[in-house]
């Protein structure tokens, strides 16, 4: 029974990772990793500030979207 639960949890973790990647929900984590790797002295914004800046940028520079 434990082996089946371990496999199920692994499958759910993989599904969660995939969905977060496809929807862009992991953008903040990826950005923080990038900053730490390439700009270790840079100030890391809060998650709230990151999303505010990201959406402001999307409004200023619309790319491919329906509306």
PDB file of N, CA and C in Angstrom:
ATOM      1  N   UNK A   1       0.822  -1.201   0.000  1.00  0.00           N
ATOM      2  CA  UNK A   1       0.000   0.000   0.000  1.00  0.00           C
ATOM      3  C   UNK A   1       0.866   1.264   0.000  1.00  0.00           C
ATOM      4  N   UNK A   2       1.962   1.265   0.737  1.00  0.00           N
ATOM      5  CA  UNK A   2       2.832   2.432   0.819  1.00  0.00           C
ATOM      6  C   UNK A   2       3.451   2.747  -0.538  1.00  0.00           C
ATOM      7  N   UNK A   3       3.845   1.711  -1.281  1.00  0.00           N
ATOM      8  CA  UNK A   3       4.442   1.913  -2.602  1.00  0.00           C
ATOM      9  C   UNK A   3       3.444   2.568  -3.555  1.00  0.00           C
ATOM     10  N   UNK A   4       2.205   2.158  -3.499  1.00  0.00           N
ATOM     11  CA  UNK A   4       1.176   2.746  -4.355  1.00  0.00           C
ATOM     12  C   UNK A   4       0.942   4.212  -3.995  1.00  0.00           C
ATOM     13  N   UNK A   5       0.942   4.525  -2.704  1.00  0.00           N
ATOM     14  CA  UNK A   5       0.769   5.915  -2.273  1.00  0.00           C
ATOM     15  C   UNK A   5       1.957   6.770  -2.706  1.00  0.00           C
ATOM     16  N   UNK A   6       3.141   6.218  -2.623  1.00  0.00           N
ATOM     17  CA  UNK A   6       4.338   6.942  -3.039  1.00  0.00           C
ATOM     18  C   UNK A   6       4.280   7.249  -4.533  1.00  0.00           C
ATOM     19  N   UNK A   7       3.875   6.274  -5.334  1.00  0.00           N
ATOM     20  CA  UNK A   7       3.746   6.488  -6.782  1.00  0.00           C
ATOM     21  C   UNK A   7       2.653   7.510  -7.087  1.00  0.00           C
ATOM     22  N   UNK A   8       1.539   7.426  -6.375  1.00  0.00           N
ATOM     23  CA  UNK A   8       0.441   8.370  -6.591  1.00  0.00           C
ATOM     24  C   UNK A   8       0.876   9.789  -6.240  1.00  0.00           C
ATOM     25  N   UNK A   9       1.584   9.927  -5.138  1.00  0.00           N
ATOM     26  CA  UNK A   9       2.069  11.256  -4.750  1.00  0.00           C
ATOM     27  C   UNK A   9       3.054  11.792  -5.777  1.00  0.00           C
ATOM     28  N   UNK A  10       3.926  10.922  -6.271  1.00  0.00           N
ATOM     29  CA  UNK A  10       4.869  11.325  -7.308  1.00  0.00           C
ATOM     30  C   UNK A  10       4.153  11.780  -8.568  1.00  0.00           C
ATOM     31  N   UNK A  11       3.112  11.064  -8.944  1.00  0.00           N
ATOM     32  CA  UNK A  11       2.339  11.430 -10.135  1.00  0.00           C
ATOM     33  C   UNK A  11       1.645  12.777  -9.924  1.00  0.00           C
ATOM     34  N   UNK A  12       1.093  12.997  -8.744  1.00  0.00           N
ATOM     35  CA  UNK A  12       0.434  14.274  -8.457  1.00  0.00           C
ATOM     36  C   UNK A  12       1.439  15.425  -8.441  1.00  0.00           C
ATOM     37  N   UNK A  13       2.629  15.188  -7.885  1.00  0.00           N
ATOM     38  CA  UNK A  13       3.665  16.215  -7.887  1.00  0.00           C
ATOM     39  C   UNK A  13       4.077  16.575  -9.310  1.00  0.00           C
ATOM     40  N   UNK A  14       4.215  15.557 -10.151  1.00  0.00           N
ATOM     41  CA  UNK A  14       4.564  15.794 -11.548  1.00  0.00           C
ATOM     42  C   UNK A  14       3.463  16.573 -12.254  1.00  0.00           C
ATOM     43  N   UNK A  15       2.219  16.211 -12.025  1.00  0.00           N
ATOM     44  CA  UNK A  15       1.096  16.914 -12.633  1.00  0.00           C
ATOM     45  C   UNK A  15       1.064  18.375 -12.172  1.00  0.00           C
ATOM     46  N   UNK A  16       1.279  18.601 -10.896  1.00  0.00           N
ATOM     47  CA  UNK A  16       1.297  19.966 -10.353  1.00  0.00           C
ATOM     48  C   UNK A  16       2.412  20.778 -11.011  1.00  0.00           C
ATOM     49  N   UNK A  17       3.610  20.196 -11.126  1.00  0.00           N
ATOM     50  CA  UNK A  17       4.736  20.865 -11.759  1.00  0.00           C
ATOM     51  C   UNK A  17       4.387  21.241 -13.195  1.00  0.00           C
ATOM     52  N   UNK A  18       3.774  20.315 -13.924  1.00  0.00           N
ATOM     53  CA  UNK A  18       3.420  20.538 -15.326  1.00  0.00           C
ATOM     54  C   UNK A  18       2.390  21.670 -15.456  1.00  0.00           C
ATOM     55  N   UNK A  19       1.348  21.604 -14.666  1.00  0.00           N
ATOM     56  CA  UNK A  19       0.290  22.617 -14.744  1.00  0.00           C
ATOM     57  C   UNK A  19       0.831  23.996 -14.387  1.00  0.00           C
ATOM     58  N   UNK A  20       1.647  24.074 -13.345  1.00  0.00           N
ATOM     59  CA  UNK A  20       2.229  25.364 -12.966  1.00  0.00           C
ATOM     60  C   UNK A  20       3.123  25.918 -14.077  1.00  0.00           C
ATOM     61  N   UNK A  21       3.843  25.055 -14.761  1.00  0.00           N
ATOM     62  CA  UNK A  21       4.691  25.487 -15.862  1.00  0.00           C
ATOM     63  C   UNK A  21       3.886  25.972 -17.056  1.00  0.00           C
ATOM     64  N   UNK A  22       2.841  25.247 -17.397  1.00  0.00           N
ATOM     65  CA  UNK A  22       2.013  25.612 -18.548  1.00  0.00           C
ATOM     66  C   UNK A  22       1.261  26.910 -18.297  1.00  0.00           C
ATOM     67  N   UNK A  23       0.759  27.103 -17.105  1.00  0.00           N
ATOM     68  CA  UNK A  23      -0.031  28.297 -16.808  1.00  0.00           C
ATOM     69  C   UNK A  23       0.831  29.504 -16.442  1.00  0.00           C
ATOM     70  N   UNK A  24       2.107  29.285 -16.180  1.00  0.00           N
ATOM     71  CA  UNK A  24       2.990  30.389 -15.811  1.00  0.00           C
ATOM     72  C   UNK A  24       2.983  30.690 -14.328  1.00  0.00           C
ATOM     73  N   UNK A  25       2.338  29.867 -13.538  1.00  0.00           N
ATOM     74  CA  UNK A  25       2.254  30.103 -12.099  1.00  0.00           C
ATOM     75  C   UNK A  25       3.608  29.978 -11.414  1.00  0.00           C
ATOM     76  N   UNK A  26       4.575  29.359 -12.090  1.00  0.00           N
ATOM     77  CA  UNK A  26       5.905  29.198 -11.507  1.00  0.00           C
ATOM     78  C   UNK A  26       6.859  30.322 -11.916  1.00  0.00           C
ATOM     79  N   UNK A  27       6.348  31.366 -12.537  1.00  0.00           N
ATOM     80  CA  UNK A  27       7.187  32.446 -13.054  1.00  0.00           C
ATOM     81  C   UNK A  27       8.002  33.121 -11.950  1.00  0.00           C
ATOM     82  N   UNK A  28       7.408  33.343 -10.799  1.00  0.00           N
ATOM     83  CA  UNK A  28       8.135  34.009  -9.716  1.00  0.00           C
ATOM     84  C   UNK A  28       9.299  33.149  -9.245  1.00  0.00           C
ATOM     85  N   UNK A  29       9.057  31.861  -9.029  1.00  0.00           N
ATOM     86  CA  UNK A  29      10.129  30.977  -8.578  1.00  0.00           C
ATOM     87  C   UNK A  29      11.255  30.927  -9.599  1.00  0.00           C
ATOM     88  N   UNK A  30      10.917  30.857 -10.884  1.00  0.00           N
ATOM     89  CA  UNK A  30      11.940  30.828 -11.932  1.00  0.00           C
ATOM     90  C   UNK A  30      12.713  32.141 -11.968  1.00  0.00           C
ATOM     91  N   UNK A  31      12.032  33.264 -11.759  1.00  0.00           N
ATOM     92  CA  UNK A  31      12.687  34.566 -11.758  1.00  0.00           C
ATOM     93  C   UNK A  31      13.660  34.688 -10.583  1.00  0.00           C
ATOM     94  N   UNK A  32      13.239  34.240  -9.427  1.00  0.00           N
ATOM     95  CA  UNK A  32      14.108  34.299  -8.247  1.00  0.00           C
ATOM     96  C   UNK A  32      15.340  33.427  -8.464  1.00  0.00           C
ATOM     97  N   UNK A  33      15.171  32.230  -9.014  1.00  0.00           N
ATOM     98  CA  UNK A  33      16.312  31.367  -9.322  1.00  0.00           C
ATOM     99  C   UNK A  33      17.258  32.057 -10.288  1.00  0.00           C
ATOM    100  N   UNK A  34      16.699  32.706 -11.314  1.00  0.00           N
ATOM    101  CA  UNK A  34      17.514  33.432 -12.282  1.00  0.00           C
ATOM    102  C   UNK A  34      18.307  34.543 -11.604  1.00  0.00           C
ATOM    103  N   UNK A  35      17.636  35.341 -10.779  1.00  0.00           N
ATOM    104  CA  UNK A  35      18.329  36.426 -10.087  1.00  0.00           C
ATOM    105  C   UNK A  35      19.458  35.904  -9.206  1.00  0.00           C
ATOM    106  N   UNK A  36      19.195  34.859  -8.460  1.00  0.00           N
ATOM    107  CA  UNK A  36      20.228  34.314  -7.569  1.00  0.00           C
ATOM    108  C   UNK A  36      21.412  33.758  -8.347  1.00  0.00           C
ATOM    109  N   UNK A  37      21.138  33.201  -9.513  1.00  0.00           N
ATOM    110  CA  UNK A  37      22.193  32.595 -10.316  1.00  0.00           C
ATOM    111  C   UNK A  37      23.010  33.647 -11.061  1.00  0.00           C
ATOM    112  N   UNK A  38      22.353  34.620 -11.660  1.00  0.00           N
ATOM    113  CA  UNK A  38      23.049  35.570 -12.526  1.00  0.00           C
ATOM    114  C   UNK A  38      23.320  36.928 -11.890  1.00  0.00           C
ATOM    115  N   UNK A  39      22.551  37.299 -10.885  1.00  0.00           N
ATOM    116  CA  UNK A  39      22.716  38.594 -10.207  1.00  0.00           C
ATOM    117  C   UNK A  39      22.625  38.384  -8.692  1.00  0.00           C
ATOM    118  N   UNK A  40      23.622  37.731  -8.100  1.00  0.00           N
ATOM    119  CA  UNK A  40      23.505  37.365  -6.679  1.00  0.00           C
ATOM    120  C   UNK A  40      23.373  38.555  -5.724  1.00  0.00           C
ATOM    121  N   UNK A  41      23.793  39.740  -6.144  1.00  0.00           N
ATOM    122  CA  UNK A  41      23.698  40.914  -5.268  1.00  0.00           C
ATOM    123  C   UNK A  41      22.404  41.691  -5.447  1.00  0.00           C
ATOM    124  N   UNK A  42      21.586  41.297  -6.415  1.00  0.00           N
ATOM    125  CA  UNK A  42      20.342  42.021  -6.689  1.00  0.00           C
ATOM    126  C   UNK A  42      19.322  41.796  -5.581  1.00  0.00           C
ATOM    127  N   UNK A  43      18.520  42.805  -5.360  1.00  0.00           N
ATOM    128  CA  UNK A  43      17.429  42.694  -4.397  1.00  0.00           C
ATOM    129  C   UNK A  43      16.305  41.880  -5.025  1.00  0.00           C
ATOM    130  N   UNK A  44      15.823  40.914  -4.301  1.00  0.00           N
ATOM    131  CA  UNK A  44      14.745  40.065  -4.805  1.00  0.00           C
ATOM    132  C   UNK A  44      13.413  40.697  -4.413  1.00  0.00           C
ATOM    133  N   UNK A  45      12.559  40.962  -5.406  1.00  0.00           N
ATOM    134  CA  UNK A  45      11.265  41.580  -5.091  1.00  0.00           C
ATOM    135  C   UNK A  45      10.352  40.579  -4.380  1.00  0.00           C
ATOM    136  N   UNK A  46       9.381  41.125  -3.699  1.00  0.00           N
ATOM    137  CA  UNK A  46       8.378  40.247  -3.095  1.00  0.00           C
ATOM    138  C   UNK A  46       7.564  39.622  -4.228  1.00  0.00           C
ATOM    139  N   UNK A  47       6.886  38.544  -3.920  1.00  0.00           N
ATOM    140  CA  UNK A  47       6.070  37.897  -4.946  1.00  0.00           C
ATOM    141  C   UNK A  47       4.962  38.842  -5.421  1.00  0.00           C
ATOM    142  N   UNK A  48       4.389  39.580  -4.488  1.00  0.00           N
ATOM    143  CA  UNK A  48       3.329  40.531  -4.844  1.00  0.00           C
ATOM    144  C   UNK A  48       3.856  41.589  -5.814  1.00  0.00           C
ATOM    145  N   UNK A  49       5.045  42.132  -5.535  1.00  0.00           N
ATOM    146  CA  UNK A  49       5.626  43.145  -6.409  1.00  0.00           C
ATOM    147  C   UNK A  49       5.985  42.559  -7.773  1.00  0.00           C
ATOM    148  N   UNK A  50       6.487  41.322  -7.780  1.00  0.00           N
ATOM    149  CA  UNK A  50       6.819  40.660  -9.045  1.00  0.00           C
ATOM    150  C   UNK A  50       5.597  40.578  -9.946  1.00  0.00           C
ATOM    151  N   UNK A  51       4.483  40.089  -9.400  1.00  0.00           N
ATOM    152  CA  UNK A  51       3.280  39.926 -10.221  1.00  0.00           C
ATOM    153  C   UNK A  51       2.718  41.277 -10.654  1.00  0.00           C
ATOM    154  N   UNK A  52       2.784  42.279  -9.786  1.00  0.00           N
ATOM    155  CA  UNK A  52       2.313  43.620 -10.154  1.00  0.00           C
ATOM    156  C   UNK A  52       3.133  44.144 -11.334  1.00  0.00           C
ATOM    157  N   UNK A  53       4.460  44.005 -11.253  1.00  0.00           N
ATOM    158  CA  UNK A  53       5.327  44.461 -12.340  1.00  0.00           C
ATOM    159  C   UNK A  53       5.083  43.668 -13.621  1.00  0.00           C
ATOM    160  N   UNK A  54       4.903  42.364 -13.471  1.00  0.00           N
ATOM    161  CA  UNK A  54       4.683  41.514 -14.639  1.00  0.00           C
ATOM    162  C   UNK A  54       3.392  41.902 -15.364  1.00  0.00           C
ATOM    163  N   UNK A  55       2.313  42.097 -14.629  1.00  0.00           N
ATOM    164  CA  UNK A  55       1.045  42.460 -15.257  1.00  0.00           C
ATOM    165  C   UNK A  55       1.078  43.876 -15.818  1.00  0.00           C
ATOM    166  N   UNK A  56       1.788  44.780 -15.145  1.00  0.00           N
ATOM    167  CA  UNK A  56       1.940  46.133 -15.691  1.00  0.00           C
ATOM    168  C   UNK A  56       2.686  46.082 -17.022  1.00  0.00           C
ATOM    169  N   UNK A  57       3.733  45.264 -17.083  1.00  0.00           N
ATOM    170  CA  UNK A  57       4.496  45.114 -18.318  1.00  0.00           C
ATOM    171  C   UNK A  57       3.629  44.501 -19.418  1.00  0.00           C
ATOM    172  N   UNK A  58       2.801  43.541 -19.064  1.00  0.00           N
ATOM    173  CA  UNK A  58       1.915  42.916 -20.047  1.00  0.00           C
ATOM    174  C   UNK A  58       0.912  43.934 -20.608  1.00  0.00           C
ATOM    175  N   UNK A  59       0.458  44.856 -19.768  1.00  0.00           N
ATOM    176  CA  UNK A  59      -0.480  45.882 -20.234  1.00  0.00           C
ATOM    177  C   UNK A  59       0.215  46.879 -21.156  1.00  0.00           C
ATOM    178  N   UNK A  60       1.449  47.244 -20.820  1.00  0.00           N
ATOM    179  CA  UNK A  60       2.194  48.199 -21.643  1.00  0.00           C
ATOM    180  C   UNK A  60       2.639  47.589 -22.963  1.00  0.00           C
ATOM    181  N   UNK A  61       2.955  46.296 -22.963  1.00  0.00           N
ATOM    182  CA  UNK A  61       3.499  45.626 -24.142  1.00  0.00           C
ATOM    183  C   UNK A  61       2.689  44.382 -24.479  1.00  0.00           C
ATOM    184  N   UNK A  62       1.493  44.559 -25.005  1.00  0.00           N
ATOM    185  CA  UNK A  62       0.675  43.375 -25.333  1.00  0.00           C
ATOM    186  C   UNK A  62       1.336  42.582 -26.468  1.00  0.00           C
ATOM    187  N   UNK A  63       1.355  41.289 -26.287  1.00  0.00           N
ATOM    188  CA  UNK A  63       1.953  40.417 -27.302  1.00  0.00           C
ATOM    189  C   UNK A  63       0.830  39.631 -27.953  1.00  0.00           C
ATOM    190  N   UNK A  64       0.782  38.373 -27.770  1.00  0.00           N
ATOM    191  CA  UNK A  64      -0.290  37.587 -28.372  1.00  0.00           C
ATOM    192  C   UNK A  64      -1.349  37.281 -27.326  1.00  0.00           C
ATOM    193  N   UNK A  65      -2.487  37.862 -27.489  1.00  0.00           N
ATOM    194  CA  UNK A  65      -3.625  37.584 -26.627  1.00  0.00           C
ATOM    195  C   UNK A  65      -4.896  37.957 -27.381  1.00  0.00           C
ATOM    196  N   UNK A  66      -5.985  37.491 -26.895  1.00  0.00           N
ATOM    197  CA  UNK A  66      -7.228  37.669 -27.630  1.00  0.00           C
ATOM    198  C   UNK A  66      -7.805  39.073 -27.523  1.00  0.00           C
ATOM    199  N   UNK A  67      -7.546  39.760 -26.415  1.00  0.00           N
ATOM    200  CA  UNK A  67      -8.210  41.061 -26.201  1.00  0.00           C
ATOM    201  C   UNK A  67      -7.220  42.178 -25.995  1.00  0.00           C
TER     202      UNK A  67
END
